[in-house]
């Protein structure tokens, strides 16, 4: 089977290897559980998901996806890691949640279901693909007018290299080694530019600020630091 052009097979294999770790809060993916309430609240601050159609792009094992479903959303979760999606499906079933998980690219979904979603979330995903601008454009096509897009990623800066890659992956080991490649990280100016070109209007930015002593995060609104989030609206 041919690999879709905007999928990095090495990145997919990387997440295949940690598929069984997604729901272990004490494991290598545990930091995702720590930051999920903060990222979820950022999403809920900008978009009412109750009773709305939502797609979680690059959903992984479904940590955010399940939170969206618990909040009353009709959720589709898409990813390219078959092993990870199987873990997500099993966990959702155990949790009594109905989530439509699919092995599908966002470009493929946008071809079939353009303009049918109220909210698109795409967190910690665009730094793992060859063409992040194409991902954002596809996310925009999926939205109805008035729909919201939420993105999060890691800044391409010396501070991000030092803290997220060297510190996070090699020193503190709060993420598996090799999770991120510096050259694939995304500057805030790039994310805004690609989003605006796709017809999205920027609303707000915030960053997750990590305290290495307490090992806790807080949200700094209006800041675009190492690990940052942005919300957008599709006005027409």
C-alpha atoms as a PDB file:
ATOM      1  CA  UNK A   1       0.000   0.000   0.000  1.00  0.00           C
ATOM      2  CA  UNK A   2       1.397   3.411  -0.977  1.00  0.00           C
ATOM      3  CA  UNK A   3       2.136   5.824   1.831  1.00  0.00           C
ATOM      4  CA  UNK A   4       0.162   9.093   1.548  1.00  0.00           C
ATOM      5  CA  UNK A   5       2.476  11.869   0.386  1.00  0.00           C
ATOM      6  CA  UNK A   6       2.108  13.991   3.515  1.00  0.00           C
ATOM      7  CA  UNK A   7       2.857  11.167   5.940  1.00  0.00           C
ATOM      8  CA  UNK A   8       6.339  10.441   7.280  1.00  0.00           C
ATOM      9  CA  UNK A   9       6.564   6.651   7.630  1.00  0.00           C
ATOM     10  CA  UNK A  10       9.414   6.973  10.124  1.00  0.00           C
ATOM     11  CA  UNK A  11       7.225   9.144  12.336  1.00  0.00           C
ATOM     12  CA  UNK A  12       4.387   6.603  12.128  1.00  0.00           C
ATOM     13  CA  UNK A  13       6.785   3.801  13.085  1.00  0.00           C
ATOM     14  CA  UNK A  14       7.998   5.892  16.017  1.00  0.00           C
ATOM     15  CA  UNK A  15       4.461   6.102  17.408  1.00  0.00           C
ATOM     16  CA  UNK A  16       3.763   2.449  16.603  1.00  0.00           C
ATOM     17  CA  UNK A  17       6.586   1.558  18.997  1.00  0.00           C
ATOM     18  CA  UNK A  18       4.967   3.420  21.901  1.00  0.00           C
ATOM     19  CA  UNK A  19       1.357   2.478  21.097  1.00  0.00           C
ATOM     20  CA  UNK A  20       0.884   0.450  24.275  1.00  0.00           C
ATOM     21  CA  UNK A  21       2.101   3.323  26.458  1.00  0.00           C
ATOM     22  CA  UNK A  22      -0.590   5.907  25.675  1.00  0.00           C
ATOM     23  CA  UNK A  23      -2.787   5.182  28.683  1.00  0.00           C
ATOM     24  CA  UNK A  24      -0.052   4.690  31.271  1.00  0.00           C
ATOM     25  CA  UNK A  25       0.090   7.982  33.214  1.00  0.00           C
ATOM     26  CA  UNK A  26       3.389   6.902  34.774  1.00  0.00           C
ATOM     27  CA  UNK A  27       4.944   5.876  31.455  1.00  0.00           C
ATOM     28  CA  UNK A  28       6.773   7.669  28.663  1.00  0.00           C
ATOM     29  CA  UNK A  29       3.556   9.287  27.384  1.00  0.00           C
ATOM     30  CA  UNK A  30       2.536  10.360  30.872  1.00  0.00           C
ATOM     31  CA  UNK A  31       3.219  14.046  30.231  1.00  0.00           C
ATOM     32  CA  UNK A  32       0.351  14.058  27.731  1.00  0.00           C
ATOM     33  CA  UNK A  33      -1.971  13.154  30.597  1.00  0.00           C
ATOM     34  CA  UNK A  34      -0.527  16.005  32.656  1.00  0.00           C
ATOM     35  CA  UNK A  35      -1.111  18.651  29.975  1.00  0.00           C
ATOM     36  CA  UNK A  36      -4.396  17.292  28.616  1.00  0.00           C
ATOM     37  CA  UNK A  37      -6.614  19.214  31.093  1.00  0.00           C
ATOM     38  CA  UNK A  38      -4.837  22.458  30.188  1.00  0.00           C
ATOM     39  CA  UNK A  39      -5.092  21.900  26.442  1.00  0.00           C
ATOM     40  CA  UNK A  40      -8.691  20.737  26.756  1.00  0.00           C
ATOM     41  CA  UNK A  41      -9.628  23.866  28.700  1.00  0.00           C
ATOM     42  CA  UNK A  42      -7.978  26.064  26.059  1.00  0.00           C
ATOM     43  CA  UNK A  43     -10.163  24.290  23.490  1.00  0.00           C
ATOM     44  CA  UNK A  44     -13.327  24.669  25.566  1.00  0.00           C
ATOM     45  CA  UNK A  45     -12.570  28.354  26.196  1.00  0.00           C
ATOM     46  CA  UNK A  46     -12.839  28.962  22.454  1.00  0.00           C
ATOM     47  CA  UNK A  47     -15.347  26.420  21.233  1.00  0.00           C
ATOM     48  CA  UNK A  48     -18.505  24.844  22.609  1.00  0.00           C
ATOM     49  CA  UNK A  49     -18.185  21.174  21.680  1.00  0.00           C
ATOM     50  CA  UNK A  50     -21.360  19.855  23.326  1.00  0.00           C
ATOM     51  CA  UNK A  51     -23.542  18.388  20.597  1.00  0.00           C
ATOM     52  CA  UNK A  52     -21.084  19.573  17.953  1.00  0.00           C
ATOM     53  CA  UNK A  53     -19.211  17.651  15.284  1.00  0.00           C
ATOM     54  CA  UNK A  54     -15.506  17.587  16.129  1.00  0.00           C
ATOM     55  CA  UNK A  55     -12.492  15.955  14.487  1.00  0.00           C
ATOM     56  CA  UNK A  56      -9.261  15.323  16.383  1.00  0.00           C
ATOM     57  CA  UNK A  57      -6.483  15.259  13.780  1.00  0.00           C
ATOM     58  CA  UNK A  58      -3.504  13.131  14.777  1.00  0.00           C
ATOM     59  CA  UNK A  59      -5.483  11.773  17.709  1.00  0.00           C
ATOM     60  CA  UNK A  60      -2.918   9.199  18.810  1.00  0.00           C
ATOM     61  CA  UNK A  61      -4.212   6.999  21.611  1.00  0.00           C
ATOM     62  CA  UNK A  62      -7.211   9.237  22.180  1.00  0.00           C
ATOM     63  CA  UNK A  63      -6.364  11.192  25.341  1.00  0.00           C
ATOM     64  CA  UNK A  64      -7.839  14.468  24.058  1.00  0.00           C
ATOM     65  CA  UNK A  65     -10.373  12.648  21.885  1.00  0.00           C
ATOM     66  CA  UNK A  66     -11.965  11.001  24.900  1.00  0.00           C
ATOM     67  CA  UNK A  67     -12.113  14.320  26.751  1.00  0.00           C
ATOM     68  CA  UNK A  68     -13.972  15.832  23.794  1.00  0.00           C
ATOM     69  CA  UNK A  69     -16.414  12.908  23.735  1.00  0.00           C
ATOM     70  CA  UNK A  70     -16.970  13.196  27.498  1.00  0.00           C
ATOM     71  CA  UNK A  71     -17.838  16.868  26.940  1.00  0.00           C
ATOM     72  CA  UNK A  72     -20.656  15.831  24.620  1.00  0.00           C
ATOM     73  CA  UNK A  73     -18.988  16.125  21.230  1.00  0.00           C
ATOM     74  CA  UNK A  74     -19.676  13.833  18.281  1.00  0.00           C
ATOM     75  CA  UNK A  75     -16.015  13.003  17.668  1.00  0.00           C
ATOM     76  CA  UNK A  76     -14.013  11.576  14.800  1.00  0.00           C
ATOM     77  CA  UNK A  77     -10.380  10.732  15.592  1.00  0.00           C
ATOM     78  CA  UNK A  78      -7.939  10.218  12.730  1.00  0.00           C
ATOM     79  CA  UNK A  79      -4.356   8.982  12.783  1.00  0.00           C
ATOM     80  CA  UNK A  80      -1.901   6.998  10.668  1.00  0.00           C
ATOM     81  CA  UNK A  81      -0.676   4.573  13.333  1.00  0.00           C
ATOM     82  CA  UNK A  82      -2.828   1.469  13.159  1.00  0.00           C
ATOM     83  CA  UNK A  83      -1.440   0.099  16.427  1.00  0.00           C
ATOM     84  CA  UNK A  84      -2.132   3.350  18.239  1.00  0.00           C
ATOM     85  CA  UNK A  85      -5.683   3.547  16.916  1.00  0.00           C
ATOM     86  CA  UNK A  86      -6.343   0.006  18.099  1.00  0.00           C
ATOM     87  CA  UNK A  87      -5.292   1.055  21.601  1.00  0.00           C
ATOM     88  CA  UNK A  88      -7.559   4.110  21.323  1.00  0.00           C
ATOM     89  CA  UNK A  89     -10.528   1.997  20.238  1.00  0.00           C
ATOM     90  CA  UNK A  90     -10.042  -0.484  23.059  1.00  0.00           C
ATOM     91  CA  UNK A  91      -9.770   2.233  25.685  1.00  0.00           C
ATOM     92  CA  UNK A  92     -12.847   4.074  24.414  1.00  0.00           C
ATOM     93  CA  UNK A  93     -14.839   0.834  24.555  1.00  0.00           C
ATOM     94  CA  UNK A  94     -13.741   0.238  28.150  1.00  0.00           C
ATOM     95  CA  UNK A  95     -14.732   3.806  28.988  1.00  0.00           C
ATOM     96  CA  UNK A  96     -18.161   3.405  27.402  1.00  0.00           C
ATOM     97  CA  UNK A  97     -17.487   6.122  24.833  1.00  0.00           C
ATOM     98  CA  UNK A  98     -18.577   6.152  21.205  1.00  0.00           C
ATOM     99  CA  UNK A  99     -15.758   7.590  19.083  1.00  0.00           C
ATOM    100  CA  UNK A 100     -15.328   7.155  15.343  1.00  0.00           C
ATOM    101  CA  UNK A 101     -11.633   6.296  14.974  1.00  0.00           C
ATOM    102  CA  UNK A 102     -10.253   6.092  11.434  1.00  0.00           C
ATOM    103  CA  UNK A 103      -6.934   5.444   9.705  1.00  0.00           C
ATOM    104  CA  UNK A 104      -7.190   8.445   7.436  1.00  0.00           C
ATOM    105  CA  UNK A 105      -5.243  11.567   6.566  1.00  0.00           C
ATOM    106  CA  UNK A 106      -6.822  14.957   7.121  1.00  0.00           C
ATOM    107  CA  UNK A 107      -6.432  15.673   3.406  1.00  0.00           C
ATOM    108  CA  UNK A 108      -8.484  12.564   2.583  1.00  0.00           C
ATOM    109  CA  UNK A 109     -11.118  13.525   5.129  1.00  0.00           C
ATOM    110  CA  UNK A 110     -11.336  17.046   3.712  1.00  0.00           C
ATOM    111  CA  UNK A 111     -11.945  15.633   0.235  1.00  0.00           C
ATOM    112  CA  UNK A 112     -14.981  13.724   1.500  1.00  0.00           C
ATOM    113  CA  UNK A 113     -16.371  15.840   4.343  1.00  0.00           C
ATOM    114  CA  UNK A 114     -15.435  19.458   3.651  1.00  0.00           C
ATOM    115  CA  UNK A 115     -17.438  22.060   5.547  1.00  0.00           C
ATOM    116  CA  UNK A 116     -19.087  19.589   7.917  1.00  0.00           C
ATOM    117  CA  UNK A 117     -17.231  20.069  11.214  1.00  0.00           C
ATOM    118  CA  UNK A 118     -17.790  22.648  13.939  1.00  0.00           C
ATOM    119  CA  UNK A 119     -14.388  22.198  15.570  1.00  0.00           C
ATOM    120  CA  UNK A 120     -11.030  20.818  14.466  1.00  0.00           C
ATOM    121  CA  UNK A 121      -8.302  20.031  16.993  1.00  0.00           C
ATOM    122  CA  UNK A 122      -4.785  19.277  15.799  1.00  0.00           C
ATOM    123  CA  UNK A 123      -2.402  19.089  18.736  1.00  0.00           C
ATOM    124  CA  UNK A 124       1.266  18.131  18.645  1.00  0.00           C
ATOM    125  CA  UNK A 125       0.908  16.814  15.104  1.00  0.00           C
ATOM    126  CA  UNK A 126       2.044  19.337  12.489  1.00  0.00           C
ATOM    127  CA  UNK A 127       5.693  19.031  13.589  1.00  0.00           C
ATOM    128  CA  UNK A 128       5.634  15.367  12.535  1.00  0.00           C
ATOM    129  CA  UNK A 129       4.678  15.736   8.842  1.00  0.00           C
ATOM    130  CA  UNK A 130       6.535  16.791   5.666  1.00  0.00           C
ATOM    131  CA  UNK A 131       4.088  19.607   4.779  1.00  0.00           C
ATOM    132  CA  UNK A 132       2.433  21.189   7.831  1.00  0.00           C
ATOM    133  CA  UNK A 133       0.853  23.978   5.760  1.00  0.00           C
ATOM    134  CA  UNK A 134      -1.141  21.355   3.837  1.00  0.00           C
ATOM    135  CA  UNK A 135      -2.427  19.908   7.120  1.00  0.00           C
ATOM    136  CA  UNK A 136      -3.646  23.321   8.228  1.00  0.00           C
ATOM    137  CA  UNK A 137      -5.286  23.983   4.870  1.00  0.00           C
ATOM    138  CA  UNK A 138      -7.137  20.663   5.083  1.00  0.00           C
ATOM    139  CA  UNK A 139      -8.251  21.441   8.642  1.00  0.00           C
ATOM    140  CA  UNK A 140      -9.664  24.740   7.405  1.00  0.00           C
ATOM    141  CA  UNK A 141     -11.564  23.020   4.587  1.00  0.00           C
ATOM    142  CA  UNK A 142     -13.209  20.686   7.102  1.00  0.00           C
ATOM    143  CA  UNK A 143     -14.747  23.555   9.066  1.00  0.00           C
ATOM    144  CA  UNK A 144     -18.165  25.080   8.656  1.00  0.00           C
ATOM    145  CA  UNK A 145     -18.305  28.886   8.524  1.00  0.00           C
ATOM    146  CA  UNK A 146     -17.971  30.006  12.130  1.00  0.00           C
ATOM    147  CA  UNK A 147     -16.098  26.827  13.018  1.00  0.00           C
ATOM    148  CA  UNK A 148     -13.035  26.818  15.252  1.00  0.00           C
ATOM    149  CA  UNK A 149      -9.576  25.316  14.793  1.00  0.00           C
ATOM    150  CA  UNK A 150      -7.221  24.640  17.689  1.00  0.00           C
ATOM    151  CA  UNK A 151      -3.553  23.928  16.985  1.00  0.00           C
ATOM    152  CA  UNK A 152      -0.651  23.227  19.299  1.00  0.00           C
ATOM    153  CA  UNK A 153       2.973  22.597  18.433  1.00  0.00           C
ATOM    154  CA  UNK A 154       6.533  23.369  19.500  1.00  0.00           C
ATOM    155  CA  UNK A 155       8.402  26.522  18.535  1.00  0.00           C
ATOM    156  CA  UNK A 156      11.535  26.306  16.380  1.00  0.00           C
ATOM    157  CA  UNK A 157      13.867  28.271  18.612  1.00  0.00           C
ATOM    158  CA  UNK A 158      17.035  27.732  20.613  1.00  0.00           C
ATOM    159  CA  UNK A 159      14.994  27.714  23.829  1.00  0.00           C
ATOM    160  CA  UNK A 160      12.696  25.020  22.438  1.00  0.00           C
ATOM    161  CA  UNK A 161      15.668  22.918  21.339  1.00  0.00           C
ATOM    162  CA  UNK A 162      17.237  23.275  24.763  1.00  0.00           C
ATOM    163  CA  UNK A 163      14.126  22.669  26.871  1.00  0.00           C
ATOM    164  CA  UNK A 164      11.839  20.458  24.761  1.00  0.00           C
ATOM    165  CA  UNK A 165      14.397  18.258  23.019  1.00  0.00           C
ATOM    166  CA  UNK A 166      17.568  18.215  25.133  1.00  0.00           C
ATOM    167  CA  UNK A 167      15.861  18.778  28.470  1.00  0.00           C
ATOM    168  CA  UNK A 168      12.585  16.949  27.868  1.00  0.00           C
ATOM    169  CA  UNK A 169      13.846  13.944  25.906  1.00  0.00           C
ATOM    170  CA  UNK A 170      17.435  13.418  27.040  1.00  0.00           C
ATOM    171  CA  UNK A 171      17.839  14.919  30.515  1.00  0.00           C
ATOM    172  CA  UNK A 172      14.484  14.644  32.278  1.00  0.00           C
ATOM    173  CA  UNK A 173      13.191  11.944  29.917  1.00  0.00           C
ATOM    174  CA  UNK A 174       9.599  13.121  30.132  1.00  0.00           C
ATOM    175  CA  UNK A 175       9.221  12.216  26.436  1.00  0.00           C
ATOM    176  CA  UNK A 176      10.670   9.296  24.470  1.00  0.00           C
ATOM    177  CA  UNK A 177      14.015  10.144  22.866  1.00  0.00           C
ATOM    178  CA  UNK A 178      13.681  11.149  19.230  1.00  0.00           C
ATOM    179  CA  UNK A 179      10.079  12.339  19.595  1.00  0.00           C
ATOM    180  CA  UNK A 180      10.904  15.678  17.956  1.00  0.00           C
ATOM    181  CA  UNK A 181      13.290  16.805  15.232  1.00  0.00           C
ATOM    182  CA  UNK A 182      14.367  20.419  15.504  1.00  0.00           C
ATOM    183  CA  UNK A 183      14.101  21.228  11.793  1.00  0.00           C
ATOM    184  CA  UNK A 184      10.437  20.150  11.792  1.00  0.00           C
ATOM    185  CA  UNK A 185       9.407  22.451  14.632  1.00  0.00           C
ATOM    186  CA  UNK A 186       7.105  25.355  13.733  1.00  0.00           C
ATOM    187  CA  UNK A 187       7.517  29.042  14.513  1.00  0.00           C
ATOM    188  CA  UNK A 188       4.366  30.947  15.587  1.00  0.00           C
ATOM    189  CA  UNK A 189       4.738  33.300  12.614  1.00  0.00           C
ATOM    190  CA  UNK A 190       4.642  30.288  10.285  1.00  0.00           C
ATOM    191  CA  UNK A 191       1.560  28.808  11.924  1.00  0.00           C
ATOM    192  CA  UNK A 192      -0.300  32.122  11.708  1.00  0.00           C
ATOM    193  CA  UNK A 193       0.761  32.676   8.100  1.00  0.00           C
ATOM    194  CA  UNK A 194      -0.318  29.207   6.950  1.00  0.00           C
ATOM    195  CA  UNK A 195      -3.607  29.483   8.821  1.00  0.00           C
ATOM    196  CA  UNK A 196      -4.449  32.903   7.410  1.00  0.00           C
ATOM    197  CA  UNK A 197      -3.618  31.653   3.898  1.00  0.00           C
ATOM    198  CA  UNK A 198      -6.110  28.824   4.504  1.00  0.00           C
ATOM    199  CA  UNK A 199      -8.891  31.278   5.398  1.00  0.00           C
ATOM    200  CA  UNK A 200      -8.617  31.132   9.185  1.00  0.00           C
ATOM    201  CA  UNK A 201      -8.607  34.193  11.438  1.00  0.00           C
ATOM    202  CA  UNK A 202      -6.344  34.140  14.501  1.00  0.00           C
ATOM    203  CA  UNK A 203      -8.068  34.581  17.857  1.00  0.00           C
ATOM    204  CA  UNK A 204      -5.622  33.880  20.662  1.00  0.00           C
ATOM    205  CA  UNK A 205      -2.316  32.272  21.605  1.00  0.00           C
ATOM    206  CA  UNK A 206      -1.136  30.680  24.831  1.00  0.00           C
ATOM    207  CA  UNK A 207       1.823  28.620  25.984  1.00  0.00           C
ATOM    208  CA  UNK A 208       2.304  25.736  28.348  1.00  0.00           C
ATOM    209  CA  UNK A 209       4.998  26.795  30.786  1.00  0.00           C
ATOM    210  CA  UNK A 210       6.830  23.982  32.591  1.00  0.00           C
ATOM    211  CA  UNK A 211       8.331  24.265  36.051  1.00  0.00           C
ATOM    212  CA  UNK A 212      11.134  21.649  36.264  1.00  0.00           C
ATOM    213  CA  UNK A 213      11.148  21.773  40.069  1.00  0.00           C
ATOM    214  CA  UNK A 214       7.461  20.990  40.562  1.00  0.00           C
ATOM    215  CA  UNK A 215       7.163  19.158  37.215  1.00  0.00           C
ATOM    216  CA  UNK A 216       3.915  21.017  36.626  1.00  0.00           C
ATOM    217  CA  UNK A 217       2.617  23.106  33.756  1.00  0.00           C
ATOM    218  CA  UNK A 218       0.611  26.297  33.720  1.00  0.00           C
ATOM    219  CA  UNK A 219      -1.022  28.163  30.864  1.00  0.00           C
ATOM    220  CA  UNK A 220       0.408  31.584  30.007  1.00  0.00           C
ATOM    221  CA  UNK A 221      -2.190  33.364  27.885  1.00  0.00           C
ATOM    222  CA  UNK A 222      -0.927  35.695  25.183  1.00  0.00           C
ATOM    223  CA  UNK A 223       2.508  34.069  25.200  1.00  0.00           C
ATOM    224  CA  UNK A 224       4.150  32.150  22.332  1.00  0.00           C
ATOM    225  CA  UNK A 225       6.973  30.298  23.990  1.00  0.00           C
ATOM    226  CA  UNK A 226       8.247  26.697  23.656  1.00  0.00           C
ATOM    227  CA  UNK A 227       5.038  24.659  23.634  1.00  0.00           C
ATOM    228  CA  UNK A 228       2.309  26.941  22.345  1.00  0.00           C
ATOM    229  CA  UNK A 229      -1.357  26.774  21.295  1.00  0.00           C
ATOM    230  CA  UNK A 230      -3.389  28.913  18.919  1.00  0.00           C
ATOM    231  CA  UNK A 231      -7.106  29.219  18.249  1.00  0.00           C
ATOM    232  CA  UNK A 232      -8.627  30.325  14.949  1.00  0.00           C
ATOM    233  CA  UNK A 233     -12.088  30.869  13.502  1.00  0.00           C
ATOM    234  CA  UNK A 234     -13.290  30.309   9.951  1.00  0.00           C
ATOM    235  CA  UNK A 235     -15.407  33.370   9.311  1.00  0.00           C
ATOM    236  CA  UNK A 236     -16.736  32.350   5.890  1.00  0.00           C
END
